[in-house]
Amino acid sequence: MFFSLLKKVRIRDAMKSGVITVNLEASVQEVLKLLTENHVSGLVVVDEFGEIWGVISSIDVVAALKDKGVEEIDGFTAEDIMTPQAIEIGPEKTLEDAARVMAEKGIHRLVIGHPHEGRRVPVGIITASDIVGELKKEMS
């Protein structure tokens, strides 16, 4: 069955590299610009050294708007509305591993981090849509 593909394909072979990141101190307007201009639903939040601090999704922005209102959120930064502690997965894990973590945590994306000079920096991202896309390719 094509679901066996999930056990075979490594995350490194299905992940998107060239991760779109946003600095902790970026304004919500900057976050919105990055999300819309890059046609993505999530960003990895990093500090000035490129270390992973969290993720911010379009849902995080909507939730902040709902909770705080447009006027109050205007002065917020990415750090204020991000989901801290991004869930990471290694590039050698399988799509099955990624799917399991996403299902258990109720999330749609995992960050692939790599150690660099004592910090965790993002090198890729895998989303639920990427996994579905790999399954679709197998069915074709």
C-alpha atoms as a PDB file:
ATOM      1  CA  MET A   1       0.000   0.000   0.000  1.00  0.00           C
ATOM      2  CA  PHE A   2       1.186   3.542  -0.642  1.00  0.00           C
ATOM      3  CA  PHE A   3       1.195   4.376   3.090  1.00  0.00           C
ATOM      4  CA  SER A   4       4.349   2.244   3.316  1.00  0.00           C
ATOM      5  CA  LEU A   5       5.998   5.197   1.589  1.00  0.00           C
ATOM      6  CA  LEU A   6       5.785   7.036   4.919  1.00  0.00           C
ATOM      7  CA  LYS A   7       8.164   4.472   6.427  1.00  0.00           C
ATOM      8  CA  LYS A   8      10.683   4.779   3.585  1.00  0.00           C
ATOM      9  CA  VAL A   9      11.002   8.468   2.780  1.00  0.00           C
ATOM     10  CA  ARG A  10      13.401  10.444   4.948  1.00  0.00           C
ATOM     11  CA  ILE A  11      12.464  13.938   6.001  1.00  0.00           C
ATOM     12  CA  ARG A  12      15.610  15.332   4.361  1.00  0.00           C
ATOM     13  CA  ASP A  13      14.207  14.148   1.010  1.00  0.00           C
ATOM     14  CA  ALA A  14      10.782  15.770   1.442  1.00  0.00           C
ATOM     15  CA  MET A  15      11.479  18.872   3.546  1.00  0.00           C
ATOM     16  CA  LYS A  16      11.593  22.402   2.254  1.00  0.00           C
ATOM     17  CA  SER A  17      14.983  23.959   2.753  1.00  0.00           C
ATOM     18  CA  GLY A  18      15.526  27.688   2.632  1.00  0.00           C
ATOM     19  CA  VAL A  19      13.310  28.221   5.668  1.00  0.00           C
ATOM     20  CA  ILE A  20      11.570  31.571   5.904  1.00  0.00           C
ATOM     21  CA  THR A  21      12.445  33.062   9.262  1.00  0.00           C
ATOM     22  CA  VAL A  22      11.459  36.148  11.194  1.00  0.00           C
ATOM     23  CA  ASN A  23      13.360  37.823  14.017  1.00  0.00           C
ATOM     24  CA  LEU A  24      11.918  37.831  17.527  1.00  0.00           C
ATOM     25  CA  GLU A  25      11.679  41.632  17.451  1.00  0.00           C
ATOM     26  CA  ALA A  26       9.889  41.870  14.090  1.00  0.00           C
ATOM     27  CA  SER A  27       6.590  43.729  14.124  1.00  0.00           C
ATOM     28  CA  VAL A  28       3.315  41.961  13.480  1.00  0.00           C
ATOM     29  CA  GLN A  29       3.138  43.948  10.223  1.00  0.00           C
ATOM     30  CA  GLU A  30       6.470  42.424   9.183  1.00  0.00           C
ATOM     31  CA  VAL A  31       5.158  38.956  10.079  1.00  0.00           C
ATOM     32  CA  LEU A  32       2.055  39.528   7.936  1.00  0.00           C
ATOM     33  CA  LYS A  33       4.188  40.746   5.039  1.00  0.00           C
ATOM     34  CA  LEU A  34       6.431  37.655   5.164  1.00  0.00           C
ATOM     35  CA  LEU A  35       3.460  35.281   5.392  1.00  0.00           C
ATOM     36  CA  THR A  36       1.600  36.838   2.473  1.00  0.00           C
ATOM     37  CA  GLU A  37       4.524  37.615   0.161  1.00  0.00           C
ATOM     38  CA  ASN A  38       5.931  34.103   0.530  1.00  0.00           C
ATOM     39  CA  HIS A  39       2.530  32.361   0.358  1.00  0.00           C
ATOM     40  CA  VAL A  40       3.198  30.389   3.542  1.00  0.00           C
ATOM     41  CA  SER A  41       1.138  29.804   6.659  1.00  0.00           C
ATOM     42  CA  GLY A  42       4.028  29.707   9.120  1.00  0.00           C
ATOM     43  CA  LEU A  43       7.459  31.139   9.899  1.00  0.00           C
ATOM     44  CA  VAL A  44      10.307  30.042  12.138  1.00  0.00           C
ATOM     45  CA  VAL A  45      11.109  32.677  14.759  1.00  0.00           C
ATOM     46  CA  VAL A  46      14.837  33.178  15.377  1.00  0.00           C
ATOM     47  CA  ASP A  47      17.049  35.469  17.426  1.00  0.00           C
ATOM     48  CA  GLU A  48      19.810  37.701  16.061  1.00  0.00           C
ATOM     49  CA  PHE A  49      22.134  34.667  15.859  1.00  0.00           C
ATOM     50  CA  GLY A  50      19.675  32.590  13.845  1.00  0.00           C
ATOM     51  CA  GLU A  51      18.797  30.289  16.749  1.00  0.00           C
ATOM     52  CA  ILE A  52      15.306  28.770  16.769  1.00  0.00           C
ATOM     53  CA  TRP A  53      12.960  30.273  19.396  1.00  0.00           C
ATOM     54  CA  GLY A  54       9.541  29.267  18.120  1.00  0.00           C
ATOM     55  CA  VAL A  55       7.123  29.311  15.231  1.00  0.00           C
ATOM     56  CA  ILE A  56       4.448  31.733  14.230  1.00  0.00           C
ATOM     57  CA  SER A  57       1.513  30.723  12.097  1.00  0.00           C
ATOM     58  CA  SER A  58      -1.321  32.603  10.501  1.00  0.00           C
ATOM     59  CA  ILE A  59      -3.509  31.070  13.230  1.00  0.00           C
ATOM     60  CA  ASP A  60      -1.273  32.666  15.894  1.00  0.00           C
ATOM     61  CA  VAL A  61      -1.855  36.048  14.251  1.00  0.00           C
ATOM     62  CA  VAL A  62      -5.633  35.505  14.050  1.00  0.00           C
ATOM     63  CA  ALA A  63      -5.761  34.339  17.685  1.00  0.00           C
ATOM     64  CA  ALA A  64      -3.844  37.428  18.829  1.00  0.00           C
ATOM     65  CA  LEU A  65      -6.214  39.659  16.880  1.00  0.00           C
ATOM     66  CA  LYS A  66      -9.210  37.919  18.445  1.00  0.00           C
ATOM     67  CA  ASP A  67      -7.792  38.097  21.969  1.00  0.00           C
ATOM     68  CA  LYS A  68      -6.240  41.560  21.902  1.00  0.00           C
ATOM     69  CA  GLY A  69      -7.844  43.510  19.054  1.00  0.00           C
ATOM     70  CA  VAL A  70      -6.269  45.377  16.176  1.00  0.00           C
ATOM     71  CA  GLU A  71      -5.241  48.443  18.192  1.00  0.00           C
ATOM     72  CA  GLU A  72      -3.404  46.511  20.898  1.00  0.00           C
ATOM     73  CA  ILE A  73      -1.673  44.052  18.567  1.00  0.00           C
ATOM     74  CA  ASP A  74      -0.246  46.939  16.542  1.00  0.00           C
ATOM     75  CA  GLY A  75       2.694  47.271  18.971  1.00  0.00           C
ATOM     76  CA  PHE A  76       3.330  43.533  19.303  1.00  0.00           C
ATOM     77  CA  THR A  77       6.367  41.663  18.040  1.00  0.00           C
ATOM     78  CA  ALA A  78       6.753  38.156  16.661  1.00  0.00           C
ATOM     79  CA  GLU A  79       7.894  37.031  20.108  1.00  0.00           C
ATOM     80  CA  ASP A  80       4.645  38.286  21.642  1.00  0.00           C
ATOM     81  CA  ILE A  81       2.413  36.111  19.465  1.00  0.00           C
ATOM     82  CA  MET A  82       4.615  33.149  18.509  1.00  0.00           C
ATOM     83  CA  THR A  83       4.245  29.599  19.742  1.00  0.00           C
ATOM     84  CA  PRO A  84       7.426  29.146  21.791  1.00  0.00           C
ATOM     85  CA  GLN A  85       9.617  26.083  21.617  1.00  0.00           C
ATOM     86  CA  ALA A  86       9.200  24.963  18.039  1.00  0.00           C
ATOM     87  CA  ILE A  87       8.777  21.207  17.731  1.00  0.00           C
ATOM     88  CA  GLU A  88      11.808  19.879  15.891  1.00  0.00           C
ATOM     89  CA  ILE A  89      12.539  16.633  14.095  1.00  0.00           C
ATOM     90  CA  GLY A  90      15.755  15.305  12.613  1.00  0.00           C
ATOM     91  CA  PRO A  91      16.322  15.013   8.867  1.00  0.00           C
ATOM     92  CA  GLU A  92      17.036  11.272   9.136  1.00  0.00           C
ATOM     93  CA  LYS A  93      13.599  10.518  10.588  1.00  0.00           C
ATOM     94  CA  THR A  94      10.856   9.275   8.283  1.00  0.00           C
ATOM     95  CA  LEU A  95       7.644  10.858   7.069  1.00  0.00           C
ATOM     96  CA  GLU A  96       5.855   8.357   9.307  1.00  0.00           C
ATOM     97  CA  ASP A  97       7.718   9.809  12.305  1.00  0.00           C
ATOM     98  CA  ALA A  98       6.776  13.338  11.245  1.00  0.00           C
ATOM     99  CA  ALA A  99       3.122  12.413  10.723  1.00  0.00           C
ATOM    100  CA  ARG A 100       2.979  10.777  14.152  1.00  0.00           C
ATOM    101  CA  VAL A 101       4.466  13.826  15.927  1.00  0.00           C
ATOM    102  CA  MET A 102       2.121  16.187  14.080  1.00  0.00           C
ATOM    103  CA  ALA A 103      -0.906  14.071  14.985  1.00  0.00           C
ATOM    104  CA  GLU A 104       0.141  13.697  18.635  1.00  0.00           C
ATOM    105  CA  LYS A 105       0.877  17.410  19.078  1.00  0.00           C
ATOM    106  CA  GLY A 106      -1.984  18.687  16.922  1.00  0.00           C
ATOM    107  CA  ILE A 107       0.359  20.762  14.743  1.00  0.00           C
ATOM    108  CA  HIS A 108       0.863  21.201  11.010  1.00  0.00           C
ATOM    109  CA  ARG A 109       4.595  21.823  10.713  1.00  0.00           C
ATOM    110  CA  LEU A 110       7.885  20.631  12.176  1.00  0.00           C
ATOM    111  CA  VAL A 111      11.175  22.471  12.100  1.00  0.00           C
ATOM    112  CA  ILE A 112      14.320  20.657  11.059  1.00  0.00           C
ATOM    113  CA  GLY A 113      17.078  22.131  13.198  1.00  0.00           C
ATOM    114  CA  HIS A 114      20.822  21.670  12.943  1.00  0.00           C
ATOM    115  CA  PRO A 115      23.537  22.435  15.496  1.00  0.00           C
ATOM    116  CA  HIS A 116      25.713  25.367  14.442  1.00  0.00           C
ATOM    117  CA  GLU A 117      28.241  27.009  16.767  1.00  0.00           C
ATOM    118  CA  GLY A 118      26.381  25.827  19.856  1.00  0.00           C
ATOM    119  CA  ARG A 119      22.958  26.925  18.597  1.00  0.00           C
ATOM    120  CA  ARG A 120      20.013  25.221  16.876  1.00  0.00           C
ATOM    121  CA  VAL A 121      19.458  26.850  13.500  1.00  0.00           C
ATOM    122  CA  PRO A 122      16.647  25.989  11.077  1.00  0.00           C
ATOM    123  CA  VAL A 123      17.662  24.117   7.935  1.00  0.00           C
ATOM    124  CA  GLY A 124      14.250  22.942   6.802  1.00  0.00           C
ATOM    125  CA  ILE A 125      10.586  22.599   7.501  1.00  0.00           C
ATOM    126  CA  ILE A 126       8.146  19.770   6.856  1.00  0.00           C
ATOM    127  CA  THR A 127       4.408  20.346   6.825  1.00  0.00           C
ATOM    128  CA  ALA A 128       1.363  18.115   6.774  1.00  0.00           C
ATOM    129  CA  SER A 129       0.813  19.341   3.205  1.00  0.00           C
ATOM    130  CA  ASP A 130       4.292  18.114   2.248  1.00  0.00           C
ATOM    131  CA  ILE A 131       3.435  14.643   3.557  1.00  0.00           C
ATOM    132  CA  VAL A 132       0.129  14.612   1.669  1.00  0.00           C
ATOM    133  CA  GLY A 133       1.992  15.730  -1.453  1.00  0.00           C
ATOM    134  CA  GLU A 134       4.428  12.840  -1.164  1.00  0.00           C
ATOM    135  CA  LEU A 135       1.514  10.410  -0.831  1.00  0.00           C
ATOM    136  CA  LYS A 136      -0.162  11.927  -3.876  1.00  0.00           C
ATOM    137  CA  LYS A 137       3.023  11.520  -5.926  1.00  0.00           C
ATOM    138  CA  GLU A 138       3.114   7.834  -4.990  1.00  0.00           C
ATOM    139  CA  MET A 139      -0.514   7.372  -6.059  1.00  0.00           C
ATOM    140  CA  SER A 140       0.087   8.941  -9.503  1.00  0.00           C
END
